[in-house]
Each structure stands twice: as structure tokens, then as C-alpha cells.
Amino acid sequence: MACEVEAAYIQPPECRPDPTIPVAEGMPVIDLSPMDSGDPVAMEKLAEEVRDALKEWCIFYVVNHGIPTDVRENIDKNIYEFFGLPLEEKLKVQRTLEDPLGYVPTDLTWNTKDWIEIYEYFMHSPLEIPANPEPDCSETITLKNKPPENPQGFLDACIAYGKEAEKLAHKILELIALSLGLPAKRFVPFFEGKNMTFNRINYYRPCPNPELVLGKGCHTDTSSVTVVATNDVSGLEIKTREGTFLKVNPLPGSYIINLGEAMNVWSNGYYESSDHRAVAPKDRHRFSMAFSLGPAPDMMVEPLEELINEDHPRRFTGFKYGKFWRSRRHTSLLRLKEQNIRARHFKIRE
């Protein structure tokens, strides 16, 4: 078959997708409805389910999650309308290196173009964040969401969905806290005020050579918790500890939960961030949303003191979340020699 994609999209042979990889059979499905009762016994049982799921898989589905169907249907409709617009219309809200909110027609992972379009917005806008990833620079910049002219009400639909996804993310945080032997509200102070919670809408148009490209290259999330939504087209793949990949198919009525680098550090390495990627579709349009719960820009992300003891010494130095987030955004827009910064770069050598 002749290659019909630009050379910049073509992955190295060792990174190209494998259509024969198996489906992630047995990935946990956690029913959150017992949380409605507030029963401590039910909460502890759910926390155990979350612990087992994260230790074995680093990712799981949730059902009876509380996100209203009409809110979800409204943002889905707006997503199809926005990404179906002509490129010049979408570029009116284009993001830049300095201001990474809004639309971009592609992305980079490890200096290779991803077969993807993105629209990204903060839940708290305007928001003052670091102007660059340089650790010794105190300069800041104020970012503001970019609402497109069309479709009308697009950003309103995005924020409405974000508020519901945020509630779900906080439910998951409570269960994670309990699973670590901590009070349910232990993580709440990290998200008070104007934090860096954002939603990243990923749109994958049909690709003539999906065997040569990736929709999104292998990566981890910066967040504490990420709530992933998708349409009915498969594309998500998770990396196992053995270095192979498994397909994660959409489960109707569910959302997917995975952890980011911040939780890896807060848990002192007890929980790991999930390596994952997206393959490009052949014949259908696919979209996903990665709603990422992030702390305030100046929040120092470091292991929780309650999780450090003689048997479990401190494993990370820590980092300012805003600088960490800014560094990751630079690597998605610039061709750089170094790989994406991760929690492991802050590990204390034993």
C-alpha cells in the first residue's frame, strides 16, 4: 500500500501500532453507586476495589458515576460540530507555545507528529501560571480560555461537562485516599482555589495509513486523576509492566480512570502513573476527552508525610506543579532532544 501521510507523522518501526495485540480482558469495572449511601463499610469496600485495580492495572472503568446523560450528549454534539469546521475557522482559537489553551491541528510525542487535533481549556479561567518551565524563573503569564465563535455555546457545553467530571474525579480521590489509609478528604486542600484542572479534547480523523502512525504517542498524564471519556470507536491502548500493549475498548455508559504523575509522587510511589497511547482510526472519526484534575500552579507536589516511614522512605524530591505542567506542554509543541519530564526524574537515588 502506498504511503499517503506526511513523513513527519511516520513512527519509528518499534513504535508503530500492532493490530494483533489483545484486548485488556478482565480490566476492573467499579460500580460507584454505593458511595451515594455514605456508608463507611461500603466506602472501605470500594477503596479496596480501587486499590486492587490500581496495583494490578493502573487503570479501571467506573459505572454509576453520576455524570448526567444530557450533559454528556451536549458536549459530544458540540465536539463533532467544532472539529467538523474548516481548518481556518478552528485556527481562530489556535494555541501557541506561550498560551497552550485552545485548538491545535496536531501534536508531538517524542518529536514525531501525532495524528490528532486538540482543543484544551481550563476549568478556572483566567489563571496565572508560570510563563516557562525554567525552575529559577519567577515570570508568570495569565491564560484565558478561547471560546470559538462556532458552534455557539461550545465552551459553555465544555464547562458544564467539566463540572460534572470534576465531581467524579473528587469521588475517585476520596477512594484513593481511603485506599492509602488516609482520611477521605486528605487531597481536598491541594485543589482549593484556582487550580490547574483542565480538559483536553482529542479528535482523530480517519487515517489512510494507520499502521504507520499513532493518534497519540505513548505518554503519562501530569494530573492526579484523569477521567477519560470516548465515543464508541476503539483506540486507547495501555502499556503493561512487561512493555507490551493491550487494547482498552469503550464500555457503554462508563468512564475510564487513570492516574497521573502527581499521584505517583503524592503516594510516594505506591501508585504508578499509567503509560498509554492512542492508535489512529482507519475508517471512522474518534474522539476522547482527558479531564485532568490538577492542583494549583504553585503547589509543591511531594510525597505525603503520612506515607513516609522507616519501611517506606521518601522516594521523590518533588516539583512545583505549574512548572511541571509547563515543561510537558513545551515538549508537545517543540522538537527537543530530551524526553518528556516525568515523576521518575525526581526520584531519590537509593
Protein backbone atom coordinates (compact mmCIF):
# COMPACT_ATOMS: atom_id res chain seq x y z
CA MET A 1 0.00 0.00 0.00
CA ALA A 2 1.34 3.43 -0.91
CA CYS A 3 2.06 5.82 1.93
CA GLU A 4 -0.34 8.75 1.92
CA VAL A 5 0.69 10.50 5.14
CA GLU A 6 3.33 13.18 5.63
CA ALA A 7 6.71 11.75 6.66
CA ALA A 8 6.68 13.72 9.94
CA TYR A 9 3.81 11.51 11.16
CA ILE A 10 5.51 8.18 10.48
CA GLN A 11 6.59 6.42 13.67
CA PRO A 12 9.87 4.51 14.03
CA PRO A 13 9.23 0.82 13.34
CA GLU A 14 9.49 -0.15 17.02
CA CYS A 15 6.76 2.37 17.96
CA ARG A 16 4.21 1.56 15.27
CA PRO A 17 0.87 0.06 16.33
CA ASP A 18 0.32 -3.68 16.25
CA PRO A 19 -3.19 -4.62 15.06
CA THR A 20 -2.81 -8.09 16.58
CA ILE A 21 -2.44 -7.03 20.22
CA PRO A 22 -5.08 -8.47 22.56
CA VAL A 23 -7.90 -6.70 24.34
CA ALA A 24 -7.43 -5.96 28.06
CA GLU A 25 -9.74 -8.75 29.22
CA GLY A 26 -10.74 -8.53 32.86
CA MET A 27 -9.99 -4.84 33.34
CA PRO A 28 -11.88 -3.86 36.52
CA VAL A 29 -15.31 -2.24 36.33
CA ILE A 30 -16.10 -0.43 39.58
CA ASP A 31 -19.69 0.48 40.45
CA LEU A 32 -19.67 3.79 42.35
CA SER A 33 -23.35 3.71 43.38
CA PRO A 34 -22.53 2.58 46.98
CA MET A 35 -20.91 6.00 47.51
CA ASP A 36 -24.39 7.57 47.47
CA SER A 37 -25.22 5.96 50.81
CA GLY A 38 -22.17 7.36 52.60
CA ASP A 39 -21.91 4.06 54.46
CA PRO A 40 -18.33 3.72 55.83
CA VAL A 41 -18.29 -0.03 55.23
CA ALA A 42 -19.34 0.44 51.59
CA MET A 43 -16.70 3.14 51.16
CA GLU A 44 -13.96 0.90 52.53
CA LYS A 45 -15.03 -1.90 50.21
CA LEU A 46 -14.89 0.44 47.22
CA ALA A 47 -11.48 1.70 48.35
CA GLU A 48 -10.23 -1.89 48.37
CA GLU A 49 -11.54 -2.37 44.83
CA VAL A 50 -9.75 0.80 43.72
CA ARG A 51 -6.52 -0.31 45.42
CA ASP A 52 -6.61 -3.71 43.76
CA ALA A 53 -7.41 -2.19 40.36
CA LEU A 54 -4.63 0.38 40.51
CA LYS A 55 -2.00 -2.00 41.80
CA GLU A 56 -2.73 -4.58 39.10
CA TRP A 57 -3.82 -2.42 36.15
CA CYS A 58 -3.10 1.29 36.93
CA ILE A 59 -6.47 1.95 35.22
CA PHE A 60 -10.14 0.94 35.54
CA TYR A 61 -13.69 1.63 34.34
CA VAL A 62 -16.35 3.26 36.53
CA VAL A 63 -20.12 2.93 36.13
CA ASN A 64 -22.97 4.65 38.00
CA HIS A 65 -20.61 7.60 38.06
CA GLY A 66 -23.14 10.43 38.35
CA ILE A 67 -22.37 12.33 35.11
CA PRO A 68 -25.79 13.20 33.61
CA THR A 69 -26.51 11.77 30.18
CA ASP A 70 -27.80 15.07 28.78
CA VAL A 71 -24.62 16.92 29.78
CA ARG A 72 -22.52 14.30 28.05
CA GLU A 73 -24.68 14.26 24.92
CA ASN A 74 -24.46 18.03 24.66
CA ILE A 75 -20.67 18.17 24.73
CA ASP A 76 -20.45 15.22 22.31
CA LYS A 77 -22.65 17.10 19.84
CA ASN A 78 -20.54 20.25 20.18
CA ILE A 79 -17.31 18.29 19.68
CA TYR A 80 -18.46 16.87 16.35
CA GLU A 81 -19.63 20.30 15.22
CA PHE A 82 -16.43 22.11 16.19
CA PHE A 83 -13.97 19.61 14.75
CA GLY A 84 -16.06 19.37 11.61
CA LEU A 85 -15.46 23.06 10.86
CA PRO A 86 -12.97 24.19 8.20
CA LEU A 87 -9.39 24.43 9.48
CA GLU A 88 -9.26 28.21 9.09
CA GLU A 89 -12.27 28.53 11.40
CA LYS A 90 -10.71 26.33 14.09
CA LEU A 91 -7.40 28.21 13.85
CA LYS A 92 -9.15 31.36 15.10
CA VAL A 93 -8.70 29.89 18.58
CA GLN A 94 -5.25 28.37 17.94
CA ARG A 95 -2.95 27.67 20.85
CA THR A 96 0.71 28.74 20.90
CA LEU A 97 3.85 27.82 22.82
CA GLU A 98 3.25 30.66 25.27
CA ASP A 99 -0.51 30.10 25.51
CA PRO A 100 -1.29 26.37 25.24
CA LEU A 101 -5.08 26.76 25.55
CA GLY A 102 -7.37 26.41 22.55
CA TYR A 103 -7.03 24.46 19.31
CA VAL A 104 -4.04 22.87 17.60
CA PRO A 105 -4.16 20.78 14.40
CA THR A 106 -1.51 18.29 15.57
CA ASP A 107 0.79 17.48 18.49
CA LEU A 108 4.22 15.99 19.14
CA THR A 109 5.27 12.96 21.17
CA TRP A 110 9.00 12.24 21.21
CA ASN A 111 9.41 14.65 18.27
CA THR A 112 7.04 12.72 15.99
CA LYS A 113 3.74 14.24 14.90
CA ASP A 114 0.59 12.67 16.31
CA TRP A 115 -2.46 12.02 14.09
CA ILE A 116 -4.64 14.22 16.27
CA GLU A 117 -6.43 17.54 16.66
CA ILE A 118 -6.85 19.06 20.12
CA TYR A 119 -8.93 21.64 21.93
CA GLU A 120 -7.95 22.33 25.53
CA TYR A 121 -9.45 24.51 28.25
CA PHE A 122 -9.01 25.27 31.95
CA MET A 123 -11.83 24.91 34.45
CA HIS A 124 -10.58 28.05 36.21
CA SER A 125 -10.04 30.84 33.71
CA PRO A 126 -8.31 33.27 33.67
CA LEU A 127 -5.44 31.60 35.52
CA GLU A 128 -1.95 32.83 36.31
CA ILE A 129 0.70 30.17 35.65
CA PRO A 130 4.48 30.05 35.07
CA ALA A 131 5.49 31.68 31.80
CA ASN A 132 8.06 28.96 31.08
CA PRO A 133 9.42 25.72 32.59
CA GLU A 134 12.70 27.23 33.79
CA PRO A 135 12.93 26.38 37.53
CA ASP A 136 14.62 29.63 38.57
CA CYS A 137 12.36 31.97 36.59
CA SER A 138 9.50 33.59 38.54
CA GLU A 139 7.84 35.19 35.49
CA THR A 140 4.16 34.36 35.09
CA ILE A 141 1.53 34.66 32.38
CA THR A 142 -2.24 34.83 32.64
CA LEU A 143 -4.05 32.33 30.43
CA LYS A 144 -7.68 32.61 29.42
CA ASN A 145 -9.92 30.11 27.65
CA LYS A 146 -10.59 30.74 23.96
CA PRO A 147 -14.27 30.22 23.14
CA PRO A 148 -14.78 29.61 19.41
CA GLU A 149 -17.43 31.60 17.57
CA ASN A 150 -18.89 28.36 16.23
CA PRO A 151 -20.66 26.34 17.31
CA GLN A 152 -22.38 28.82 19.61
CA GLY A 153 -22.27 27.70 23.22
CA PHE A 154 -19.31 25.36 22.65
CA LEU A 155 -17.30 26.48 25.67
CA ASP A 156 -20.43 26.58 27.84
CA ALA A 157 -21.03 22.93 26.99
CA CYS A 158 -17.39 22.17 27.80
CA ILE A 159 -17.56 23.86 31.22
CA ALA A 160 -20.86 22.17 32.07
CA TYR A 161 -19.34 18.79 31.34
CA GLY A 162 -16.17 19.72 33.21
CA LYS A 163 -18.11 20.49 36.39
CA GLU A 164 -19.63 17.01 36.36
CA ALA A 165 -16.34 15.31 35.52
CA GLU A 166 -14.72 17.25 38.36
CA LYS A 167 -17.26 15.83 40.82
CA LEU A 168 -16.42 12.34 39.61
CA ALA A 169 -12.68 12.96 39.90
CA HIS A 170 -13.11 14.07 43.51
CA LYS A 171 -15.07 10.89 44.27
CA ILE A 172 -12.12 8.90 42.97
CA LEU A 173 -9.72 10.96 45.07
CA GLU A 174 -11.70 10.09 48.19
CA LEU A 175 -11.46 6.39 47.41
CA ILE A 176 -7.73 6.68 46.66
CA ALA A 177 -7.18 8.45 49.97
CA LEU A 178 -9.04 5.70 51.85
CA SER A 179 -7.10 3.05 49.94
CA LEU A 180 -3.88 4.61 51.26
CA GLY A 181 -5.16 4.56 54.85
CA LEU A 182 -5.76 8.33 54.83
CA PRO A 183 -8.87 10.40 55.62
CA ALA A 184 -11.25 10.59 52.64
CA LYS A 185 -10.77 14.35 52.27
CA ARG A 186 -6.96 14.25 52.52
CA PHE A 187 -6.41 15.57 48.97
CA VAL A 188 -9.03 18.34 49.10
CA PRO A 189 -6.63 21.14 50.22
CA PHE A 190 -4.50 20.62 47.10
CA PHE A 191 -7.39 21.69 44.86
CA GLU A 192 -8.82 24.64 46.75
CA GLY A 193 -9.00 27.94 44.88
CA LYS A 194 -7.94 28.36 41.25
CA ASN A 195 -6.23 25.13 40.33
CA MET A 196 -4.90 23.76 37.05
CA THR A 197 -7.69 21.32 36.30
CA PHE A 198 -8.21 21.13 32.53
CA ASN A 199 -9.99 19.14 29.86
CA ARG A 200 -8.21 18.05 26.71
CA ILE A 201 -10.48 17.08 23.82
CA ASN A 202 -8.69 14.80 21.35
CA TYR A 203 -10.10 14.31 17.86
CA TYR A 204 -8.80 11.64 15.49
CA ARG A 205 -9.88 11.83 11.86
CA PRO A 206 -9.66 8.71 9.65
CA CYS A 207 -6.09 7.97 8.60
CA PRO A 208 -5.08 6.44 5.24
CA ASN A 209 -2.09 4.67 6.84
CA PRO A 210 -2.96 3.91 10.48
CA GLU A 211 -0.35 1.15 10.55
CA LEU A 212 2.43 3.78 10.27
CA VAL A 213 1.27 6.46 12.73
CA LEU A 214 -0.09 6.95 16.21
CA GLY A 215 -3.06 9.07 17.18
CA LYS A 216 -1.15 9.98 20.32
CA GLY A 217 2.25 8.59 21.22
CA CYS A 218 2.92 6.74 24.46
CA HIS A 219 2.82 9.07 27.46
CA THR A 220 1.64 9.55 31.02
CA ASP A 221 -0.63 12.31 32.34
CA THR A 222 0.57 15.16 34.54
CA SER A 223 -2.53 15.08 36.72
CA SER A 224 -3.53 13.42 39.95
CA VAL A 225 -6.58 11.69 38.45
CA THR A 226 -7.74 11.68 34.81
CA VAL A 227 -11.34 10.96 33.82
CA VAL A 228 -11.34 9.62 30.25
CA ALA A 229 -14.40 9.71 28.00
CA THR A 230 -14.60 8.38 24.46
CA ASN A 231 -17.07 7.73 21.70
CA ASP A 232 -17.74 4.16 20.54
CA VAL A 233 -14.58 3.87 18.41
CA SER A 234 -11.68 1.92 19.93
CA GLY A 235 -8.24 3.49 20.04
CA LEU A 236 -6.85 3.56 23.60
CA GLU A 237 -4.01 1.18 24.42
CA ILE A 238 -2.30 0.71 27.79
CA LYS A 239 1.29 -0.38 28.34
CA THR A 240 1.84 -3.35 30.62
CA ARG A 241 4.71 -3.70 33.07
CA GLU A 242 6.21 -6.17 30.60
CA GLY A 243 6.36 -3.43 27.96
CA THR A 244 3.60 -4.76 25.70
CA PHE A 245 0.30 -3.05 24.90
CA LEU A 246 -3.34 -4.03 25.44
CA LYS A 247 -6.43 -2.55 23.78
CA VAL A 248 -8.96 -0.82 26.04
CA ASN A 249 -12.29 -0.94 24.25
CA PRO A 250 -15.09 1.53 25.04
CA LEU A 251 -17.60 0.25 27.60
CA PRO A 252 -21.03 1.86 27.07
CA GLY A 253 -22.10 4.09 29.95
CA SER A 254 -18.69 4.06 31.62
CA TYR A 255 -15.69 6.34 32.09
CA ILE A 256 -12.06 5.28 32.35
CA ILE A 257 -9.93 6.36 35.30
CA ASN A 258 -6.17 6.50 35.23
CA LEU A 259 -3.60 8.20 37.43
CA GLY A 260 -1.03 10.83 36.54
CA GLU A 261 2.43 11.79 37.70
CA ALA A 262 1.20 13.92 40.62
CA MET A 263 -0.48 10.92 42.28
CA ASN A 264 2.63 8.82 41.67
CA VAL A 265 4.55 11.31 43.82
CA TRP A 266 1.86 12.01 46.46
CA SER A 267 1.53 8.26 47.09
CA ASN A 268 5.31 8.00 47.45
CA GLY A 269 5.38 5.55 44.56
CA TYR A 270 2.68 3.25 45.94
CA TYR A 271 0.58 4.01 42.85
CA GLU A 272 2.08 4.43 39.40
CA SER A 273 1.05 6.69 36.55
CA SER A 274 -0.33 4.82 33.56
CA ASP A 275 1.59 4.70 30.27
CA HIS A 276 -0.87 4.77 27.39
CA ARG A 277 -1.24 5.74 23.74
CA ALA A 278 -3.92 6.06 21.08
CA VAL A 279 -3.93 4.46 17.64
CA ALA A 280 -5.34 6.26 14.62
CA PRO A 281 -8.69 5.11 13.20
CA LYS A 282 -8.93 3.76 9.66
CA ASP A 283 -12.50 4.48 8.62
CA ARG A 284 -14.28 6.35 11.42
CA HIS A 285 -13.87 9.55 13.40
CA ARG A 286 -12.86 9.04 17.02
CA PHE A 287 -12.72 11.45 19.92
CA SER A 288 -11.74 11.23 23.55
CA MET A 289 -11.67 13.64 26.47
CA ALA A 290 -8.97 13.55 29.13
CA PHE A 291 -10.30 15.53 32.10
CA SER A 292 -7.26 16.03 34.33
CA LEU A 293 -7.57 17.10 37.95
CA GLY A 294 -4.53 19.26 38.71
CA PRO A 295 -3.54 21.29 41.80
CA ALA A 296 -2.71 24.99 41.96
CA PRO A 297 0.24 26.20 39.82
CA ASP A 298 2.41 26.99 42.86
CA MET A 299 1.58 23.75 44.67
CA MET A 300 4.62 21.70 45.65
CA VAL A 301 3.92 18.10 44.71
CA GLU A 302 5.84 15.82 47.07
CA PRO A 303 5.22 12.58 48.96
CA LEU A 304 2.65 12.83 51.73
CA GLU A 305 4.31 12.76 55.16
CA GLU A 306 1.88 10.10 56.41
CA LEU A 307 3.22 7.69 53.77
CA ILE A 308 6.87 8.10 54.71
CA ASN A 309 8.37 5.92 57.44
CA GLU A 310 11.33 3.66 58.16
CA ASP A 311 9.94 0.88 55.99
CA HIS A 312 8.86 3.28 53.24
CA PRO A 313 11.45 6.07 52.94
CA ARG A 314 10.83 9.16 50.86
CA ARG A 315 11.20 8.26 47.18
CA PHE A 316 10.82 11.67 45.46
CA THR A 317 12.13 15.18 45.99
CA GLY A 318 9.05 16.85 44.49
CA PHE A 319 8.24 19.59 41.98
CA LYS A 320 6.15 22.71 41.51
CA TYR A 321 3.10 21.58 39.58
CA GLY A 322 2.86 24.65 37.33
CA LYS A 323 6.47 24.29 36.19
CA PHE A 324 6.00 20.56 35.62
CA TRP A 325 2.86 21.14 33.54
CA ARG A 326 4.55 23.90 31.55
CA SER A 327 7.51 21.65 30.75
CA ARG A 328 5.21 18.94 29.41
CA ARG A 329 3.39 21.45 27.19
CA HIS A 330 6.70 22.62 25.71
CA THR A 331 7.59 19.10 24.63
CA SER A 332 4.28 18.73 22.80
CA LEU A 333 4.94 21.79 20.62
CA LEU A 334 8.72 21.90 20.28
CA ARG A 335 11.20 19.41 18.88
CA LEU A 336 13.52 18.80 21.81
CA LYS A 337 16.43 16.45 22.46
CA GLU A 338 15.26 15.31 25.89
CA GLN A 339 12.25 13.11 26.61
CA ASN A 340 9.12 14.28 28.44
CA ILE A 341 9.73 15.08 32.08
CA ARG A 342 8.21 12.51 34.45
CA ALA A 343 8.00 11.83 38.17
CA ARG A 344 10.91 9.43 37.87
CA HIS A 345 13.18 12.39 37.10
CA PHE A 346 12.57 13.49 40.71
CA LYS A 347 13.30 10.12 42.27
CA ILE A 348 15.79 9.94 45.12
CA ARG A 349 18.58 7.53 44.33
CA GLU A 350 18.72 4.66 46.78
